[in-house]
Amino acid sequence: MNQRYLRDALNNMFSSPKLKILDFAGDKEYHAYHHMYLRCRAIYVIVFNMAEFAENSCRDIHARIKKLNLWFESVCSHVPPKTPILLVGTHRGSMSKIWMEELNGHLKRSLWHLYCDEIIENDVDKLIFFPVENSQGQNDSGVQTLQKKIMNVAEEYKGTIDCDIPLSWIQIQDEIRTRDW
C-alpha cells in the first residue's frame, strides 16, 4: 500500500484540521469524569485566571498553583510522555508585565521541573504560559500568539504520530484509485 499516496489524497479531500474543544471550566463536578475525554493524540490547553492569582497580594498563589498542578497531573497520568500542554492565563489586560514575569517565576519553580517535556513555552513573551485578554477576542496579541503556537505545535507533532491505518482508510484509498480524476 502506498501510504504517501493515501495521506496526500486524504489531505486533499479533508485538508482542514479538526478541532474539538472540551471546556471543563475547572468545576469540581467535572473532576470525576474528565479523564474519559483525554486522548494521546491531542494538544492540551490548561487555562487559569491570572486575576485570581493576583488577589490578596498573591497570598494564595501556592494554593492556586497546586490546583494547576492537579490538572497537569491528571492530563499527564492519562497520556504518553511529551504530550504537548499549553498553559494559558486569562485577564492579561489587568496585569502588568512585571507581575506576569513574577508569576512566571512562581509557575516555573513549581511546575517546570515536573512537566518541562510537556509544557510548550511562549517564545514571544519568554514565559511558560500564554497571557491573553479574552475581552479583545481575535484582536488580542496574546490570542494571536497562542493561535500561532497551537498551529505550529500541531504541524510539528503531525509527522511524529505513529499509528496503524484503519481499514476504513484503506477502503478510501481503494475508492480514490478507482475514481476517474
N, C-alpha and C. Protein backbone atom coordinates (compact mmCIF):
# COMPACT_ATOMS: atom_id res chain seq x y z
N MET A 1 0.84 -1.17 0.00
CA MET A 1 0.00 0.00 0.00
C MET A 1 0.89 1.24 0.00
N ASN A 2 0.55 2.22 -0.80
CA ASN A 2 1.30 3.46 -0.89
C ASN A 2 0.74 4.45 0.13
N GLN A 3 1.37 4.49 1.30
CA GLN A 3 0.87 5.34 2.38
C GLN A 3 0.99 6.82 2.03
N ARG A 4 2.04 7.19 1.34
CA ARG A 4 2.21 8.60 0.95
C ARG A 4 1.06 9.03 0.04
N TYR A 5 0.72 8.18 -0.93
CA TYR A 5 -0.39 8.48 -1.85
C TYR A 5 -1.69 8.62 -1.08
N LEU A 6 -1.92 7.72 -0.13
CA LEU A 6 -3.13 7.77 0.69
C LEU A 6 -3.17 9.04 1.52
N ARG A 7 -2.06 9.35 2.17
CA ARG A 7 -2.01 10.56 3.00
C ARG A 7 -2.26 11.81 2.17
N ASP A 8 -1.62 11.90 1.01
CA ASP A 8 -1.81 13.07 0.15
C ASP A 8 -3.24 13.18 -0.33
N ALA A 9 -3.82 12.03 -0.70
CA ALA A 9 -5.22 12.04 -1.16
C ALA A 9 -6.16 12.45 -0.04
N LEU A 10 -5.93 11.94 1.16
CA LEU A 10 -6.77 12.31 2.30
C LEU A 10 -6.59 13.78 2.65
N ASN A 11 -5.36 14.27 2.59
CA ASN A 11 -5.12 15.68 2.86
C ASN A 11 -5.83 16.57 1.86
N ASN A 12 -5.87 16.14 0.59
CA ASN A 12 -6.59 16.91 -0.42
C ASN A 12 -8.09 16.90 -0.19
N MET A 13 -8.61 15.75 0.23
CA MET A 13 -10.04 15.64 0.44
C MET A 13 -10.47 16.29 1.75
N PHE A 14 -9.66 16.16 2.78
CA PHE A 14 -10.00 16.66 4.12
C PHE A 14 -8.87 17.53 4.63
N SER A 15 -8.62 18.64 3.97
CA SER A 15 -7.43 19.43 4.27
C SER A 15 -7.54 20.28 5.53
N SER A 16 -8.73 20.62 5.96
CA SER A 16 -8.81 21.49 7.13
C SER A 16 -8.67 20.67 8.41
N PRO A 17 -7.90 21.19 9.36
CA PRO A 17 -7.70 20.45 10.60
C PRO A 17 -8.98 20.38 11.41
N LYS A 18 -9.13 19.32 12.15
CA LYS A 18 -10.29 19.14 13.01
C LYS A 18 -9.94 19.64 14.40
N LEU A 19 -10.86 20.32 15.02
CA LEU A 19 -10.63 20.88 16.34
C LEU A 19 -11.82 20.56 17.22
N LYS A 20 -11.54 19.96 18.35
CA LYS A 20 -12.57 19.72 19.35
C LYS A 20 -12.12 20.42 20.62
N ILE A 21 -13.01 21.16 21.21
CA ILE A 21 -12.69 21.85 22.45
C ILE A 21 -13.65 21.35 23.52
N LEU A 22 -13.08 20.85 24.59
CA LEU A 22 -13.87 20.43 25.74
C LEU A 22 -13.48 21.34 26.90
N ASP A 23 -14.42 22.08 27.40
CA ASP A 23 -14.15 23.02 28.47
C ASP A 23 -14.72 22.47 29.76
N PHE A 24 -13.83 22.11 30.69
CA PHE A 24 -14.26 21.57 31.97
C PHE A 24 -14.47 22.66 33.01
N ALA A 25 -14.15 23.88 32.65
CA ALA A 25 -14.39 25.06 33.49
C ALA A 25 -13.80 24.95 34.89
N GLY A 26 -12.99 23.95 35.14
CA GLY A 26 -12.37 23.82 36.45
C GLY A 26 -13.34 23.42 37.55
N ASP A 27 -14.59 23.17 37.18
CA ASP A 27 -15.59 22.84 38.19
C ASP A 27 -15.36 21.45 38.77
N LYS A 28 -15.57 21.33 40.07
CA LYS A 28 -15.36 20.05 40.76
C LYS A 28 -16.26 18.95 40.21
N GLU A 29 -17.42 19.34 39.69
CA GLU A 29 -18.36 18.35 39.15
C GLU A 29 -17.74 17.56 38.00
N TYR A 30 -16.79 18.15 37.30
CA TYR A 30 -16.18 17.51 36.14
C TYR A 30 -14.96 16.66 36.50
N HIS A 31 -14.44 16.82 37.68
CA HIS A 31 -13.21 16.12 38.06
C HIS A 31 -13.36 14.61 37.98
N ALA A 32 -14.52 14.09 38.29
CA ALA A 32 -14.71 12.65 38.34
C ALA A 32 -14.64 11.98 36.97
N TYR A 33 -14.97 12.70 35.92
CA TYR A 33 -15.03 12.02 34.62
C TYR A 33 -14.31 12.72 33.48
N HIS A 34 -13.59 13.79 33.73
CA HIS A 34 -12.90 14.46 32.62
C HIS A 34 -11.84 13.57 31.98
N HIS A 35 -11.27 12.65 32.75
CA HIS A 35 -10.23 11.76 32.22
C HIS A 35 -10.73 10.89 31.07
N MET A 36 -12.04 10.70 30.98
CA MET A 36 -12.60 9.88 29.89
C MET A 36 -12.41 10.56 28.54
N TYR A 37 -12.15 11.85 28.53
CA TYR A 37 -12.00 12.59 27.29
C TYR A 37 -10.55 12.81 26.88
N LEU A 38 -9.63 12.39 27.69
CA LEU A 38 -8.22 12.60 27.39
C LEU A 38 -7.73 11.58 26.36
N ARG A 39 -7.07 12.07 25.33
CA ARG A 39 -6.58 11.22 24.25
C ARG A 39 -5.09 11.46 24.05
N CYS A 40 -4.40 10.44 23.56
CA CYS A 40 -2.95 10.57 23.40
C CYS A 40 -2.57 11.48 22.23
N ARG A 41 -3.38 11.57 21.20
CA ARG A 41 -3.05 12.40 20.05
C ARG A 41 -3.82 13.71 20.14
N ALA A 42 -3.39 14.54 21.05
CA ALA A 42 -4.08 15.81 21.28
C ALA A 42 -3.09 16.84 21.80
N ILE A 43 -3.52 18.07 21.72
CA ILE A 43 -2.80 19.18 22.33
C ILE A 43 -3.70 19.69 23.45
N TYR A 44 -3.14 19.82 24.63
CA TYR A 44 -3.94 20.23 25.77
C TYR A 44 -3.66 21.68 26.13
N VAL A 45 -4.71 22.36 26.55
CA VAL A 45 -4.60 23.75 26.98
C VAL A 45 -5.21 23.82 28.38
N ILE A 46 -4.40 24.20 29.34
CA ILE A 46 -4.85 24.39 30.71
C ILE A 46 -4.95 25.89 30.93
N VAL A 47 -6.15 26.35 31.24
CA VAL A 47 -6.42 27.78 31.34
C VAL A 47 -6.66 28.16 32.80
N PHE A 48 -6.10 29.29 33.18
CA PHE A 48 -6.31 29.81 34.53
C PHE A 48 -6.53 31.32 34.47
N ASN A 49 -7.17 31.84 35.48
CA ASN A 49 -7.47 33.26 35.58
C ASN A 49 -6.34 33.94 36.35
N MET A 50 -5.55 34.72 35.66
CA MET A 50 -4.42 35.40 36.33
C MET A 50 -4.88 36.37 37.41
N ALA A 51 -6.05 36.96 37.21
CA ALA A 51 -6.57 37.92 38.20
C ALA A 51 -6.77 37.23 39.55
N GLU A 52 -7.20 35.98 39.53
CA GLU A 52 -7.37 35.25 40.79
C GLU A 52 -6.03 35.00 41.47
N PHE A 53 -4.99 34.79 40.68
CA PHE A 53 -3.66 34.58 41.25
C PHE A 53 -3.14 35.86 41.91
N ALA A 54 -3.56 37.00 41.40
CA ALA A 54 -3.08 38.28 41.92
C ALA A 54 -3.87 38.75 43.14
N GLU A 55 -5.03 38.15 43.39
CA GLU A 55 -5.87 38.56 44.53
C GLU A 55 -5.12 38.44 45.84
N ASN A 56 -5.49 39.28 46.78
CA ASN A 56 -4.92 39.26 48.14
C ASN A 56 -3.40 39.33 48.12
N SER A 57 -2.87 40.14 47.21
CA SER A 57 -1.42 40.33 47.10
C SER A 57 -0.68 39.00 46.94
N CYS A 58 -1.24 38.12 46.18
CA CYS A 58 -0.63 36.82 45.85
C CYS A 58 -0.47 35.89 47.05
N ARG A 59 -1.23 36.13 48.11
CA ARG A 59 -1.09 35.28 49.30
C ARG A 59 -1.45 33.82 49.04
N ASP A 60 -2.42 33.59 48.15
CA ASP A 60 -2.87 32.22 47.88
C ASP A 60 -2.22 31.64 46.63
N ILE A 61 -1.15 32.23 46.16
CA ILE A 61 -0.58 31.82 44.88
C ILE A 61 -0.14 30.36 44.87
N HIS A 62 0.40 29.88 45.97
CA HIS A 62 0.86 28.48 46.00
C HIS A 62 -0.31 27.50 45.99
N ALA A 63 -1.40 27.86 46.64
CA ALA A 63 -2.60 27.01 46.60
C ALA A 63 -3.19 26.99 45.19
N ARG A 64 -3.15 28.12 44.51
CA ARG A 64 -3.68 28.19 43.14
C ARG A 64 -2.78 27.40 42.17
N ILE A 65 -1.47 27.50 42.37
CA ILE A 65 -0.55 26.72 41.53
C ILE A 65 -0.75 25.23 41.80
N LYS A 66 -1.06 24.88 43.03
CA LYS A 66 -1.32 23.48 43.36
C LYS A 66 -2.53 22.96 42.57
N LYS A 67 -3.56 23.81 42.39
CA LYS A 67 -4.72 23.42 41.58
C LYS A 67 -4.31 23.20 40.12
N LEU A 68 -3.46 24.08 39.60
CA LEU A 68 -2.96 23.88 38.24
C LEU A 68 -2.18 22.57 38.14
N ASN A 69 -1.39 22.31 39.17
CA ASN A 69 -0.60 21.07 39.19
C ASN A 69 -1.51 19.85 39.13
N LEU A 70 -2.67 19.90 39.77
CA LEU A 70 -3.61 18.78 39.73
C LEU A 70 -4.09 18.53 38.30
N TRP A 71 -4.32 19.61 37.53
CA TRP A 71 -4.73 19.44 36.14
C TRP A 71 -3.60 18.85 35.31
N PHE A 72 -2.38 19.31 35.54
CA PHE A 72 -1.22 18.74 34.85
C PHE A 72 -1.08 17.25 35.18
N GLU A 73 -1.19 16.92 36.46
CA GLU A 73 -1.09 15.52 36.88
C GLU A 73 -2.15 14.67 36.21
N SER A 74 -3.35 15.18 36.14
CA SER A 74 -4.44 14.43 35.54
C SER A 74 -4.19 14.17 34.06
N VAL A 75 -3.81 15.21 33.33
CA VAL A 75 -3.54 15.03 31.91
C VAL A 75 -2.37 14.07 31.73
N CYS A 76 -1.28 14.33 32.42
CA CYS A 76 -0.06 13.53 32.22
C CYS A 76 -0.21 12.08 32.68
N SER A 77 -1.15 11.81 33.57
CA SER A 77 -1.34 10.42 34.00
C SER A 77 -2.17 9.62 33.00
N HIS A 78 -2.78 10.29 32.01
CA HIS A 78 -3.62 9.59 31.05
C HIS A 78 -3.10 9.64 29.61
N VAL A 79 -2.02 10.34 29.38
CA VAL A 79 -1.48 10.46 28.02
C VAL A 79 0.00 10.11 28.05
N PRO A 80 0.59 9.81 26.88
CA PRO A 80 2.02 9.46 26.85
C PRO A 80 2.90 10.67 27.23
N PRO A 81 4.13 10.40 27.65
CA PRO A 81 5.07 11.50 27.93
C PRO A 81 5.24 12.38 26.69
N LYS A 82 5.56 13.61 26.93
CA LYS A 82 5.83 14.61 25.89
C LYS A 82 4.58 15.02 25.10
N THR A 83 3.40 14.71 25.62
CA THR A 83 2.17 15.22 25.00
C THR A 83 2.15 16.72 25.26
N PRO A 84 1.96 17.54 24.21
CA PRO A 84 2.06 18.99 24.39
C PRO A 84 0.92 19.58 25.23
N ILE A 85 1.33 20.44 26.17
CA ILE A 85 0.37 21.14 27.03
C ILE A 85 0.73 22.63 27.00
N LEU A 86 -0.26 23.46 26.71
CA LEU A 86 -0.07 24.90 26.75
C LEU A 86 -0.80 25.44 27.97
N LEU A 87 -0.15 26.29 28.70
CA LEU A 87 -0.71 26.92 29.89
C LEU A 87 -1.11 28.34 29.50
N VAL A 88 -2.37 28.69 29.73
CA VAL A 88 -2.90 29.98 29.27
C VAL A 88 -3.46 30.74 30.47
N GLY A 89 -3.01 31.98 30.63
CA GLY A 89 -3.51 32.86 31.68
C GLY A 89 -4.41 33.92 31.09
N THR A 90 -5.63 34.01 31.60
CA THR A 90 -6.59 34.99 31.10
C THR A 90 -6.50 36.29 31.90
N HIS A 91 -7.19 37.32 31.43
CA HIS A 91 -7.26 38.65 32.06
C HIS A 91 -5.93 39.38 32.03
N ARG A 92 -5.22 39.23 30.91
CA ARG A 92 -3.93 39.88 30.74
C ARG A 92 -4.04 41.40 30.84
N GLY A 93 -5.16 41.95 30.40
CA GLY A 93 -5.32 43.40 30.37
C GLY A 93 -5.18 44.07 31.72
N SER A 94 -5.48 43.33 32.79
CA SER A 94 -5.39 43.93 34.12
C SER A 94 -4.09 43.58 34.84
N MET A 95 -3.15 42.96 34.13
CA MET A 95 -1.88 42.55 34.73
C MET A 95 -0.72 43.33 34.13
N SER A 96 0.20 43.73 34.97
CA SER A 96 1.40 44.41 34.46
C SER A 96 2.39 43.36 33.97
N LYS A 97 3.27 43.79 33.10
CA LYS A 97 4.31 42.89 32.57
C LYS A 97 5.20 42.39 33.71
N ILE A 98 5.51 43.27 34.66
CA ILE A 98 6.35 42.88 35.79
C ILE A 98 5.67 41.78 36.61
N TRP A 99 4.35 41.94 36.85
CA TRP A 99 3.63 40.93 37.62
C TRP A 99 3.59 39.60 36.86
N MET A 100 3.40 39.65 35.54
CA MET A 100 3.37 38.41 34.75
C MET A 100 4.72 37.70 34.81
N GLU A 101 5.81 38.46 34.82
CA GLU A 101 7.14 37.86 34.93
C GLU A 101 7.33 37.23 36.32
N GLU A 102 6.79 37.90 37.35
CA GLU A 102 6.84 37.34 38.70
C GLU A 102 6.03 36.04 38.77
N LEU A 103 4.83 36.06 38.18
CA LEU A 103 4.00 34.86 38.14
C LEU A 103 4.72 33.75 37.38
N ASN A 104 5.37 34.10 36.29
CA ASN A 104 6.13 33.13 35.52
C ASN A 104 7.19 32.45 36.39
N GLY A 105 7.85 33.24 37.24
CA GLY A 105 8.85 32.67 38.14
C GLY A 105 8.24 31.65 39.09
N HIS A 106 7.08 32.00 39.67
CA HIS A 106 6.39 31.06 40.57
C HIS A 106 6.00 29.79 39.83
N LEU A 107 5.42 29.95 38.64
CA LEU A 107 4.99 28.79 37.86
C LEU A 107 6.17 27.92 37.46
N LYS A 108 7.24 28.57 37.06
CA LYS A 108 8.42 27.83 36.62
C LYS A 108 9.02 27.04 37.78
N ARG A 109 9.12 27.67 38.95
CA ARG A 109 9.67 26.97 40.12
C ARG A 109 8.81 25.78 40.53
N SER A 110 7.50 25.91 40.38
CA SER A 110 6.58 24.86 40.84
C SER A 110 6.29 23.78 39.81
N LEU A 111 6.27 24.14 38.53
CA LEU A 111 5.80 23.21 37.50
C LEU A 111 6.87 22.74 36.52
N TRP A 112 7.86 23.58 36.25
CA TRP A 112 8.79 23.29 35.16
C TRP A 112 9.53 21.98 35.35
N HIS A 113 10.09 21.76 36.55
CA HIS A 113 10.87 20.54 36.76
C HIS A 113 10.02 19.28 36.64
N LEU A 114 8.72 19.40 36.83
CA LEU A 114 7.82 18.25 36.72
C LEU A 114 7.34 18.00 35.29
N TYR A 115 7.15 19.10 34.53
CA TYR A 115 6.48 18.99 33.24
C TYR A 115 7.23 19.67 32.10
N CYS A 116 8.55 19.81 32.21
CA CYS A 116 9.30 20.54 31.19
C CYS A 116 9.21 19.87 29.82
N ASP A 117 9.00 18.56 29.77
CA ASP A 117 8.87 17.88 28.48
C ASP A 117 7.49 18.08 27.84
N GLU A 118 6.53 18.52 28.63
CA GLU A 118 5.17 18.68 28.13
C GLU A 118 4.80 20.15 27.89
N ILE A 119 5.25 21.03 28.76
CA ILE A 119 4.87 22.45 28.65
C ILE A 119 5.46 23.06 27.39
N ILE A 120 4.61 23.69 26.61
CA ILE A 120 5.03 24.39 25.41
C ILE A 120 5.26 25.85 25.82
N GLU A 121 6.47 26.32 25.63
CA GLU A 121 6.82 27.68 26.05
C GLU A 121 6.30 28.75 25.10
N ASN A 122 6.08 29.91 25.66
CA ASN A 122 5.69 31.10 24.91
C ASN A 122 6.97 31.83 24.54
N ASP A 123 7.45 31.57 23.33
CA ASP A 123 8.72 32.15 22.89
C ASP A 123 8.63 33.66 22.69
N VAL A 124 7.44 34.16 22.36
CA VAL A 124 7.27 35.59 22.10
C VAL A 124 7.44 36.40 23.38
N ASP A 125 6.75 35.98 24.45
CA ASP A 125 6.81 36.72 25.71
C ASP A 125 7.84 36.17 26.69
N LYS A 126 8.52 35.09 26.28
CA LYS A 126 9.54 34.45 27.13
C LYS A 126 8.94 34.02 28.48
N LEU A 127 7.79 33.34 28.41
CA LEU A 127 7.09 32.85 29.58
C LEU A 127 6.76 31.37 29.38
N ILE A 128 6.40 30.67 30.46
CA ILE A 128 5.95 29.29 30.29
C ILE A 128 4.43 29.23 30.15
N PHE A 129 3.80 30.39 30.06
CA PHE A 129 2.37 30.45 29.84
C PHE A 129 2.07 31.51 28.78
N PHE A 130 0.84 31.50 28.29
CA PHE A 130 0.40 32.44 27.26
C PHE A 130 -0.63 33.38 27.88
N PRO A 131 -0.24 34.63 28.16
CA PRO A 131 -1.22 35.57 28.71
C PRO A 131 -2.13 36.09 27.60
N VAL A 132 -3.44 36.04 27.83
CA VAL A 132 -4.41 36.50 26.83
C VAL A 132 -5.43 37.42 27.49
N GLU A 133 -6.01 38.28 26.68
CA GLU A 133 -7.11 39.14 27.14
C GLU A 133 -8.35 38.73 26.36
N ASN A 134 -9.20 37.94 26.99
CA ASN A 134 -10.38 37.38 26.32
C ASN A 134 -11.31 38.44 25.76
N SER A 135 -11.42 39.56 26.42
CA SER A 135 -12.39 40.57 26.00
C SER A 135 -12.07 41.16 24.63
N GLN A 136 -10.84 41.00 24.16
CA GLN A 136 -10.46 41.55 22.86
C GLN A 136 -10.59 40.53 21.73
N GLY A 137 -10.87 39.29 22.08
CA GLY A 137 -11.05 38.25 21.06
C GLY A 137 -9.84 38.14 20.14
N GLN A 138 -10.11 38.04 18.84
CA GLN A 138 -9.05 37.87 17.84
C GLN A 138 -8.10 39.06 17.76
N ASN A 139 -8.49 40.21 18.28
CA ASN A 139 -7.65 41.40 18.22
C ASN A 139 -6.53 41.39 19.26
N ASP A 140 -6.60 40.49 20.20
CA ASP A 140 -5.60 40.43 21.26
C ASP A 140 -4.32 39.79 20.74
N SER A 141 -3.21 40.44 20.97
CA SER A 141 -1.93 39.90 20.51
C SER A 141 -1.60 38.57 21.21
N GLY A 142 -2.02 38.43 22.45
CA GLY A 142 -1.80 37.17 23.18
C GLY A 142 -2.58 36.02 22.55
N VAL A 143 -3.82 36.28 22.15
CA VAL A 143 -4.63 35.26 21.47
C VAL A 143 -3.98 34.89 20.15
N GLN A 144 -3.48 35.87 19.42
CA GLN A 144 -2.82 35.61 18.14
C GLN A 144 -1.56 34.77 18.33
N THR A 145 -0.78 35.10 19.35
CA THR A 145 0.42 34.32 19.66
C THR A 145 0.05 32.88 20.01
N LEU A 146 -0.99 32.71 20.81
CA LEU A 146 -1.45 31.38 21.20
C LEU A 146 -1.91 30.59 19.98
N GLN A 147 -2.69 31.20 19.12
CA GLN A 147 -3.16 30.52 17.91
C GLN A 147 -1.99 30.06 17.04
N LYS A 148 -1.03 30.92 16.84
CA LYS A 148 0.13 30.56 16.02
C LYS A 148 0.89 29.40 16.64
N LYS A 149 1.05 29.44 17.95
CA LYS A 149 1.79 28.37 18.62
C LYS A 149 1.04 27.05 18.52
N ILE A 150 -0.28 27.07 18.68
CA ILE A 150 -1.06 25.83 18.55
C ILE A 150 -0.90 25.25 17.16
N MET A 151 -0.97 26.10 16.14
CA MET A 151 -0.82 25.62 14.76
C MET A 151 0.59 25.06 14.53
N ASN A 152 1.61 25.73 15.06
CA ASN A 152 2.99 25.24 14.92
C ASN A 152 3.18 23.89 15.62
N VAL A 153 2.63 23.77 16.82
CA VAL A 153 2.76 22.52 17.56
C VAL A 153 2.00 21.41 16.84
N ALA A 154 0.81 21.70 16.35
CA ALA A 154 0.04 20.70 15.61
C ALA A 154 0.82 20.23 14.38
N GLU A 155 1.41 21.16 13.68
CA GLU A 155 2.20 20.80 12.49
C GLU A 155 3.43 19.98 12.88
N GLU A 156 4.08 20.38 13.96
CA GLU A 156 5.28 19.68 14.42
C GLU A 156 4.98 18.24 14.83
N TYR A 157 3.87 18.03 15.52
CA TYR A 157 3.53 16.71 16.03
C TYR A 157 2.81 15.85 14.99
N LYS A 158 2.33 16.44 13.92
CA LYS A 158 1.60 15.70 12.91
C LYS A 158 2.43 14.55 12.34
N GLY A 159 3.67 14.79 12.06
CA GLY A 159 4.52 13.77 11.45
C GLY A 159 5.06 12.74 12.41
N THR A 160 4.93 12.97 13.72
CA THR A 160 5.52 12.05 14.68
C THR A 160 4.50 11.08 15.26
N ILE A 161 3.28 11.20 14.87
CA ILE A 161 2.27 10.30 15.40
C ILE A 161 2.38 8.96 14.68
N ASP A 162 2.63 7.94 15.45
CA ASP A 162 2.78 6.60 14.88
C ASP A 162 1.53 5.81 15.21
N CYS A 163 0.74 5.50 14.18
CA CYS A 163 -0.48 4.76 14.42
C CYS A 163 -0.77 3.85 13.24
N ASP A 164 -1.55 2.84 13.50
CA ASP A 164 -1.98 1.94 12.44
C ASP A 164 -3.02 2.65 11.58
N ILE A 165 -3.04 2.29 10.31
CA ILE A 165 -4.03 2.87 9.41
C ILE A 165 -5.30 2.04 9.51
N PRO A 166 -6.42 2.66 9.84
CA PRO A 166 -7.66 1.91 9.96
C PRO A 166 -8.11 1.34 8.61
N LEU A 167 -8.86 0.25 8.67
CA LEU A 167 -9.37 -0.38 7.46
C LEU A 167 -10.18 0.59 6.62
N SER A 168 -10.93 1.47 7.27
CA SER A 168 -11.75 2.43 6.52
C SER A 168 -10.88 3.33 5.65
N TRP A 169 -9.65 3.64 6.08
CA TRP A 169 -8.75 4.46 5.27
C TRP A 169 -8.29 3.69 4.04
N ILE A 170 -8.05 2.41 4.24
CA ILE A 170 -7.65 1.57 3.11
C ILE A 170 -8.78 1.53 2.08
N GLN A 171 -10.00 1.45 2.58
CA GLN A 171 -11.16 1.46 1.68
C GLN A 171 -11.27 2.79 0.95
N ILE A 172 -10.94 3.87 1.63
CA ILE A 172 -10.94 5.19 1.00
C ILE A 172 -9.87 5.22 -0.09
N GLN A 173 -8.70 4.67 0.20
CA GLN A 173 -7.64 4.63 -0.80
C GLN A 173 -8.10 3.85 -2.03
N ASP A 174 -8.75 2.72 -1.82
CA ASP A 174 -9.27 1.94 -2.95
C ASP A 174 -10.27 2.75 -3.76
N GLU A 175 -11.11 3.49 -3.07
CA GLU A 175 -12.11 4.32 -3.75
C GLU A 175 -11.42 5.43 -4.56
N ILE A 176 -10.41 6.02 -3.99
CA ILE A 176 -9.68 7.09 -4.68
C ILE A 176 -9.03 6.54 -5.95
N ARG A 177 -8.46 5.35 -5.86
CA ARG A 177 -7.79 4.76 -7.02
C ARG A 177 -8.77 4.41 -8.14
N THR A 178 -9.99 4.07 -7.79
CA THR A 178 -10.95 3.67 -8.81
C THR A 178 -11.65 4.86 -9.46
N ARG A 179 -11.55 6.02 -8.84
CA ARG A 179 -12.20 7.22 -9.39
C ARG A 179 -11.47 7.74 -10.61
N ASP A 180 -12.22 8.32 -11.50
CA ASP A 180 -11.64 8.94 -12.69
C ASP A 180 -11.44 10.42 -12.38
N TRP A 181 -10.23 10.82 -12.08
CA TRP A 181 -9.92 12.19 -11.69
C TRP A 181 -9.76 12.99 -12.93
